Amino acid sequence: MPRRSLVSSLAVLLALAASSAGAADKLRFWNLTSSTIVELYLAKAGTNQWGANQCVNDKDKAVDADERLNLMDIVPGRYDVKLVEKSGRRCLVRDVEVKAGGPYAFSIAEGDMKDCQK
């Protein structure tokens, strides 16, 4: 009996780990700005270690207003977000919380974009 219980417990733990890993793959960004974003980079908050352009994960390589984008190789935490709009405007949004378990991991709205330049 104890061995069967141990095997069952291990199976449950492995299933939970697999579902957690799957959830991490489903983190999404929601563009609440009025602009199309053509480049989106994340770096752990306070660093300049920018990851890959997340916009390449989209079919047309851009995130339109009110569109959601699947994030790749990102785990929950606090990030600085660098983005470039189709118009060429570049913005930096600092200390954004990326959360798992919801319909989206984080969003950016017009009011969040205070550090921008053309």
N, C-alpha and C. Protein backbone atom coordinates (compact mmCIF):
# COMPACT_ATOMS: atom_id res chain seq x y z
N MET A 1 0.79 -1.20 0.00
CA MET A 1 0.00 0.00 0.00
C MET A 1 0.84 1.27 0.00
N PRO A 2 1.84 1.41 0.88
CA PRO A 2 2.61 2.65 0.91
C PRO A 2 3.28 2.93 -0.43
N ARG A 3 3.74 1.89 -1.11
CA ARG A 3 4.41 2.11 -2.40
C ARG A 3 3.44 2.66 -3.43
N ARG A 4 2.23 2.12 -3.46
CA ARG A 4 1.21 2.58 -4.40
C ARG A 4 0.85 4.04 -4.09
N SER A 5 0.76 4.36 -2.82
CA SER A 5 0.46 5.73 -2.40
C SER A 5 1.58 6.68 -2.83
N LEU A 6 2.83 6.24 -2.68
CA LEU A 6 3.97 7.06 -3.09
C LEU A 6 3.94 7.30 -4.60
N VAL A 7 3.66 6.26 -5.37
CA VAL A 7 3.60 6.38 -6.83
C VAL A 7 2.47 7.34 -7.22
N SER A 8 1.32 7.21 -6.56
CA SER A 8 0.20 8.12 -6.84
C SER A 8 0.56 9.56 -6.51
N SER A 9 1.22 9.76 -5.38
CA SER A 9 1.63 11.10 -4.98
C SER A 9 2.60 11.69 -5.99
N LEU A 10 3.55 10.90 -6.44
CA LEU A 10 4.51 11.37 -7.45
C LEU A 10 3.81 11.73 -8.75
N ALA A 11 2.83 10.93 -9.14
CA ALA A 11 2.09 11.21 -10.37
C ALA A 11 1.35 12.54 -10.26
N VAL A 12 0.75 12.80 -9.10
CA VAL A 12 0.04 14.06 -8.88
C VAL A 12 1.02 15.23 -8.93
N LEU A 13 2.16 15.09 -8.28
CA LEU A 13 3.17 16.16 -8.29
C LEU A 13 3.67 16.44 -9.70
N LEU A 14 3.91 15.39 -10.48
CA LEU A 14 4.36 15.59 -11.86
C LEU A 14 3.29 16.28 -12.70
N ALA A 15 2.04 15.91 -12.49
CA ALA A 15 0.94 16.55 -13.22
C ALA A 15 0.84 18.03 -12.86
N LEU A 16 0.98 18.35 -11.57
CA LEU A 16 0.95 19.75 -11.15
C LEU A 16 2.11 20.53 -11.73
N ALA A 17 3.30 19.95 -11.75
CA ALA A 17 4.46 20.62 -12.32
C ALA A 17 4.26 20.87 -13.81
N ALA A 18 3.71 19.89 -14.51
CA ALA A 18 3.47 20.04 -15.95
C ALA A 18 2.44 21.12 -16.21
N SER A 19 1.38 21.18 -15.39
CA SER A 19 0.37 22.22 -15.62
C SER A 19 0.92 23.59 -15.28
N SER A 20 1.79 23.69 -14.29
CA SER A 20 2.42 24.97 -13.95
C SER A 20 3.31 25.43 -15.09
N ALA A 21 4.07 24.52 -15.67
CA ALA A 21 4.94 24.88 -16.80
C ALA A 21 4.09 25.32 -17.97
N GLY A 22 2.95 24.64 -18.20
CA GLY A 22 2.06 25.03 -19.29
C GLY A 22 1.49 26.41 -19.07
N ALA A 23 1.16 26.73 -17.82
CA ALA A 23 0.61 28.05 -17.52
C ALA A 23 1.63 29.14 -17.80
N ALA A 24 2.91 28.85 -17.52
CA ALA A 24 3.95 29.84 -17.78
C ALA A 24 4.03 30.15 -19.27
N ASP A 25 3.76 29.15 -20.10
CA ASP A 25 3.81 29.34 -21.55
C ASP A 25 2.64 30.20 -22.03
N LYS A 26 1.60 30.37 -21.22
CA LYS A 26 0.41 31.08 -21.65
C LYS A 26 0.33 32.51 -21.12
N LEU A 27 1.42 33.05 -20.67
CA LEU A 27 1.42 34.45 -20.24
C LEU A 27 1.17 35.32 -21.47
N ARG A 28 0.30 36.33 -21.30
CA ARG A 28 -0.02 37.19 -22.43
C ARG A 28 0.05 38.67 -22.04
N PHE A 29 0.46 39.48 -23.00
CA PHE A 29 0.47 40.94 -22.88
C PHE A 29 -0.79 41.46 -23.56
N TRP A 30 -1.43 42.46 -22.94
CA TRP A 30 -2.63 43.07 -23.52
C TRP A 30 -2.30 44.52 -23.83
N ASN A 31 -2.36 44.89 -25.10
CA ASN A 31 -2.07 46.25 -25.55
C ASN A 31 -3.32 47.12 -25.37
N LEU A 32 -3.32 47.93 -24.32
CA LEU A 32 -4.45 48.84 -24.06
C LEU A 32 -4.15 50.26 -24.54
N THR A 33 -3.10 50.42 -25.35
CA THR A 33 -2.82 51.73 -25.93
C THR A 33 -3.67 51.88 -27.20
N SER A 34 -3.61 53.04 -27.79
CA SER A 34 -4.33 53.28 -29.05
C SER A 34 -3.43 53.06 -30.25
N SER A 35 -2.22 52.55 -30.02
CA SER A 35 -1.22 52.40 -31.09
C SER A 35 -0.86 50.94 -31.32
N THR A 36 -0.34 50.68 -32.51
CA THR A 36 0.20 49.36 -32.82
C THR A 36 1.64 49.31 -32.33
N ILE A 37 1.98 48.26 -31.61
CA ILE A 37 3.33 48.07 -31.07
C ILE A 37 4.06 47.07 -31.98
N VAL A 38 5.25 47.47 -32.45
CA VAL A 38 6.01 46.61 -33.37
C VAL A 38 7.24 45.99 -32.72
N GLU A 39 7.62 46.48 -31.54
CA GLU A 39 8.71 45.88 -30.78
C GLU A 39 8.33 45.94 -29.30
N LEU A 40 8.56 44.83 -28.59
CA LEU A 40 8.25 44.75 -27.18
C LEU A 40 9.31 43.88 -26.51
N TYR A 41 10.06 44.48 -25.58
CA TYR A 41 11.15 43.80 -24.89
C TYR A 41 10.93 43.87 -23.39
N LEU A 42 11.31 42.83 -22.68
CA LEU A 42 11.23 42.82 -21.22
C LEU A 42 12.61 42.55 -20.64
N ALA A 43 12.90 43.22 -19.53
CA ALA A 43 14.13 42.99 -18.77
C ALA A 43 13.74 42.96 -17.30
N LYS A 44 14.37 42.11 -16.51
CA LYS A 44 14.12 42.13 -15.07
C LYS A 44 14.24 43.57 -14.60
N ALA A 45 13.32 44.00 -13.76
CA ALA A 45 13.26 45.40 -13.31
C ALA A 45 14.62 45.86 -12.80
N GLY A 46 15.03 47.04 -13.27
CA GLY A 46 16.28 47.65 -12.82
C GLY A 46 17.51 47.19 -13.57
N THR A 47 17.34 46.32 -14.56
CA THR A 47 18.49 45.85 -15.34
C THR A 47 18.36 46.34 -16.78
N ASN A 48 19.38 46.13 -17.56
CA ASN A 48 19.33 46.43 -18.99
C ASN A 48 19.50 45.14 -19.79
N GLN A 49 19.10 44.03 -19.22
CA GLN A 49 19.25 42.73 -19.87
C GLN A 49 17.97 42.39 -20.62
N TRP A 50 17.80 43.04 -21.76
CA TRP A 50 16.58 42.92 -22.55
C TRP A 50 16.51 41.56 -23.22
N GLY A 51 15.34 40.97 -23.17
CA GLY A 51 15.09 39.71 -23.85
C GLY A 51 14.77 39.96 -25.31
N ALA A 52 14.33 38.91 -25.96
CA ALA A 52 14.00 38.97 -27.39
C ALA A 52 12.75 39.82 -27.62
N ASN A 53 12.61 40.32 -28.84
CA ASN A 53 11.43 41.07 -29.25
C ASN A 53 10.23 40.13 -29.23
N GLN A 54 9.31 40.36 -28.31
CA GLN A 54 8.14 39.50 -28.16
C GLN A 54 7.16 39.64 -29.32
N CYS A 55 7.23 40.71 -30.08
CA CYS A 55 6.30 40.91 -31.20
C CYS A 55 6.49 39.84 -32.28
N VAL A 56 7.65 39.22 -32.35
CA VAL A 56 7.85 38.17 -33.35
C VAL A 56 6.96 36.96 -33.07
N ASN A 57 6.34 36.88 -31.90
CA ASN A 57 5.43 35.79 -31.57
C ASN A 57 4.06 35.96 -32.22
N ASP A 58 3.80 37.13 -32.79
CA ASP A 58 2.51 37.40 -33.42
C ASP A 58 2.59 37.12 -34.91
N LYS A 59 1.48 36.70 -35.50
CA LYS A 59 1.46 36.37 -36.94
C LYS A 59 1.97 37.50 -37.81
N ASP A 60 1.53 38.74 -37.52
CA ASP A 60 1.96 39.88 -38.35
C ASP A 60 3.09 40.68 -37.70
N LYS A 61 3.68 40.13 -36.64
CA LYS A 61 4.85 40.72 -35.96
C LYS A 61 4.54 42.08 -35.34
N ALA A 62 3.27 42.30 -35.00
CA ALA A 62 2.85 43.56 -34.38
C ALA A 62 1.67 43.27 -33.46
N VAL A 63 1.48 44.16 -32.47
CA VAL A 63 0.37 44.02 -31.54
C VAL A 63 -0.50 45.26 -31.67
N ASP A 64 -1.65 45.09 -32.30
CA ASP A 64 -2.57 46.20 -32.51
C ASP A 64 -3.23 46.61 -31.20
N ALA A 65 -3.87 47.78 -31.19
CA ALA A 65 -4.62 48.24 -30.03
C ALA A 65 -5.65 47.18 -29.66
N ASP A 66 -5.76 46.90 -28.37
CA ASP A 66 -6.70 45.92 -27.80
C ASP A 66 -6.39 44.48 -28.20
N GLU A 67 -5.21 44.22 -28.73
CA GLU A 67 -4.81 42.85 -29.08
C GLU A 67 -3.99 42.26 -27.93
N ARG A 68 -4.02 40.96 -27.81
CA ARG A 68 -3.22 40.25 -26.82
C ARG A 68 -2.11 39.49 -27.53
N LEU A 69 -0.97 39.36 -26.86
CA LEU A 69 0.21 38.73 -27.43
C LEU A 69 0.73 37.67 -26.49
N ASN A 70 0.95 36.46 -26.99
CA ASN A 70 1.56 35.40 -26.19
C ASN A 70 3.03 35.74 -25.94
N LEU A 71 3.44 35.63 -24.68
CA LEU A 71 4.83 35.90 -24.31
C LEU A 71 5.60 34.58 -24.27
N MET A 72 6.83 34.62 -24.72
CA MET A 72 7.67 33.42 -24.72
C MET A 72 8.87 33.63 -23.79
N ASP A 73 9.22 32.58 -23.06
CA ASP A 73 10.40 32.58 -22.18
C ASP A 73 10.35 33.67 -21.12
N ILE A 74 9.16 33.95 -20.63
CA ILE A 74 8.96 34.95 -19.57
C ILE A 74 8.31 34.24 -18.39
N VAL A 75 8.81 34.52 -17.19
CA VAL A 75 8.22 33.98 -15.97
C VAL A 75 7.66 35.14 -15.16
N PRO A 76 6.68 34.89 -14.31
CA PRO A 76 6.14 35.97 -13.48
C PRO A 76 7.23 36.67 -12.68
N GLY A 77 7.04 37.96 -12.49
CA GLY A 77 8.00 38.77 -11.75
C GLY A 77 7.82 40.23 -12.10
N ARG A 78 8.81 41.05 -11.76
CA ARG A 78 8.75 42.49 -12.05
C ARG A 78 9.73 42.78 -13.18
N TYR A 79 9.25 43.52 -14.17
CA TYR A 79 10.02 43.80 -15.38
C TYR A 79 9.94 45.27 -15.77
N ASP A 80 10.98 45.71 -16.46
CA ASP A 80 10.91 46.96 -17.21
C ASP A 80 10.52 46.55 -18.62
N VAL A 81 9.68 47.34 -19.26
CA VAL A 81 9.19 47.02 -20.59
C VAL A 81 9.58 48.14 -21.54
N LYS A 82 10.23 47.77 -22.62
CA LYS A 82 10.61 48.73 -23.67
C LYS A 82 9.79 48.38 -24.90
N LEU A 83 9.15 49.41 -25.47
CA LEU A 83 8.33 49.16 -26.65
C LEU A 83 8.54 50.24 -27.70
N VAL A 84 8.26 49.86 -28.93
CA VAL A 84 8.33 50.78 -30.07
C VAL A 84 6.99 50.70 -30.79
N GLU A 85 6.38 51.86 -30.99
CA GLU A 85 5.12 51.92 -31.72
C GLU A 85 5.40 51.98 -33.23
N LYS A 86 4.40 51.67 -34.01
CA LYS A 86 4.51 51.71 -35.46
C LYS A 86 4.92 53.10 -35.95
N SER A 87 4.53 54.13 -35.22
CA SER A 87 4.87 55.51 -35.57
C SER A 87 6.34 55.83 -35.34
N GLY A 88 7.04 54.94 -34.60
CA GLY A 88 8.45 55.18 -34.28
C GLY A 88 8.68 55.66 -32.85
N ARG A 89 7.63 56.03 -32.17
CA ARG A 89 7.77 56.47 -30.77
C ARG A 89 8.25 55.30 -29.93
N ARG A 90 9.25 55.57 -29.07
CA ARG A 90 9.84 54.55 -28.18
C ARG A 90 9.49 54.91 -26.75
N CYS A 91 9.08 53.90 -25.99
CA CYS A 91 8.69 54.14 -24.60
C CYS A 91 9.31 53.09 -23.69
N LEU A 92 9.53 53.50 -22.45
CA LEU A 92 10.02 52.62 -21.41
C LEU A 92 9.03 52.70 -20.25
N VAL A 93 8.51 51.55 -19.85
CA VAL A 93 7.61 51.48 -18.71
C VAL A 93 8.31 50.63 -17.66
N ARG A 94 8.56 51.23 -16.52
CA ARG A 94 9.38 50.57 -15.49
C ARG A 94 8.53 49.84 -14.44
N ASP A 95 9.13 48.77 -13.92
CA ASP A 95 8.62 48.03 -12.77
C ASP A 95 7.18 47.55 -12.97
N VAL A 96 6.96 46.82 -14.04
CA VAL A 96 5.65 46.26 -14.36
C VAL A 96 5.55 44.87 -13.75
N GLU A 97 4.45 44.58 -13.10
CA GLU A 97 4.26 43.25 -12.52
C GLU A 97 3.67 42.32 -13.57
N VAL A 98 4.36 41.20 -13.83
CA VAL A 98 3.89 40.16 -14.74
C VAL A 98 3.38 39.03 -13.86
N LYS A 99 2.08 38.71 -13.99
CA LYS A 99 1.44 37.72 -13.12
C LYS A 99 0.90 36.56 -13.95
N ALA A 100 0.94 35.38 -13.37
CA ALA A 100 0.35 34.19 -13.98
C ALA A 100 -1.05 33.98 -13.43
N GLY A 101 -1.82 33.16 -14.12
CA GLY A 101 -3.10 32.74 -13.59
C GLY A 101 -4.30 33.57 -13.99
N GLY A 102 -4.10 34.62 -14.75
CA GLY A 102 -5.23 35.44 -15.18
C GLY A 102 -5.39 35.38 -16.69
N PRO A 103 -6.34 36.12 -17.21
CA PRO A 103 -6.54 36.13 -18.67
C PRO A 103 -5.37 36.81 -19.41
N TYR A 104 -4.60 37.63 -18.70
CA TYR A 104 -3.40 38.22 -19.26
C TYR A 104 -2.40 38.45 -18.13
N ALA A 105 -1.11 38.49 -18.48
CA ALA A 105 -0.04 38.63 -17.47
C ALA A 105 0.19 40.08 -17.09
N PHE A 106 0.10 40.97 -18.10
CA PHE A 106 0.21 42.40 -17.84
C PHE A 106 -0.35 43.16 -19.02
N SER A 107 -0.67 44.41 -18.77
CA SER A 107 -1.16 45.29 -19.84
C SER A 107 -0.44 46.62 -19.73
N ILE A 108 -0.45 47.34 -20.81
CA ILE A 108 0.07 48.71 -20.83
C ILE A 108 -0.97 49.58 -21.51
N ALA A 109 -1.31 50.69 -20.85
CA ALA A 109 -2.28 51.65 -21.37
C ALA A 109 -1.56 52.97 -21.63
N GLU A 110 -2.24 53.86 -22.31
CA GLU A 110 -1.66 55.18 -22.65
C GLU A 110 -1.09 55.87 -21.41
N GLY A 111 -1.83 55.83 -20.30
CA GLY A 111 -1.39 56.51 -19.08
C GLY A 111 -0.12 55.95 -18.47
N ASP A 112 0.25 54.73 -18.84
CA ASP A 112 1.48 54.11 -18.32
C ASP A 112 2.72 54.61 -19.06
N MET A 113 2.53 55.16 -20.23
CA MET A 113 3.67 55.52 -21.10
C MET A 113 4.08 56.97 -20.90
N LYS A 114 4.90 57.17 -19.87
CA LYS A 114 5.32 58.52 -19.50
C LYS A 114 6.75 58.81 -19.94
N ASP A 115 7.55 57.78 -20.16
CA ASP A 115 8.95 57.91 -20.55
C ASP A 115 9.09 57.53 -22.02
N CYS A 116 8.72 58.47 -22.90
CA CYS A 116 8.70 58.20 -24.35
C CYS A 116 9.47 59.26 -25.12
N GLN A 117 9.93 58.87 -26.29
CA GLN A 117 10.59 59.81 -27.21
C GLN A 117 10.37 59.34 -28.63
N LYS A 118 10.38 60.29 -29.52
CA LYS A 118 10.16 59.99 -30.95
C LYS A 118 11.45 59.69 -31.62
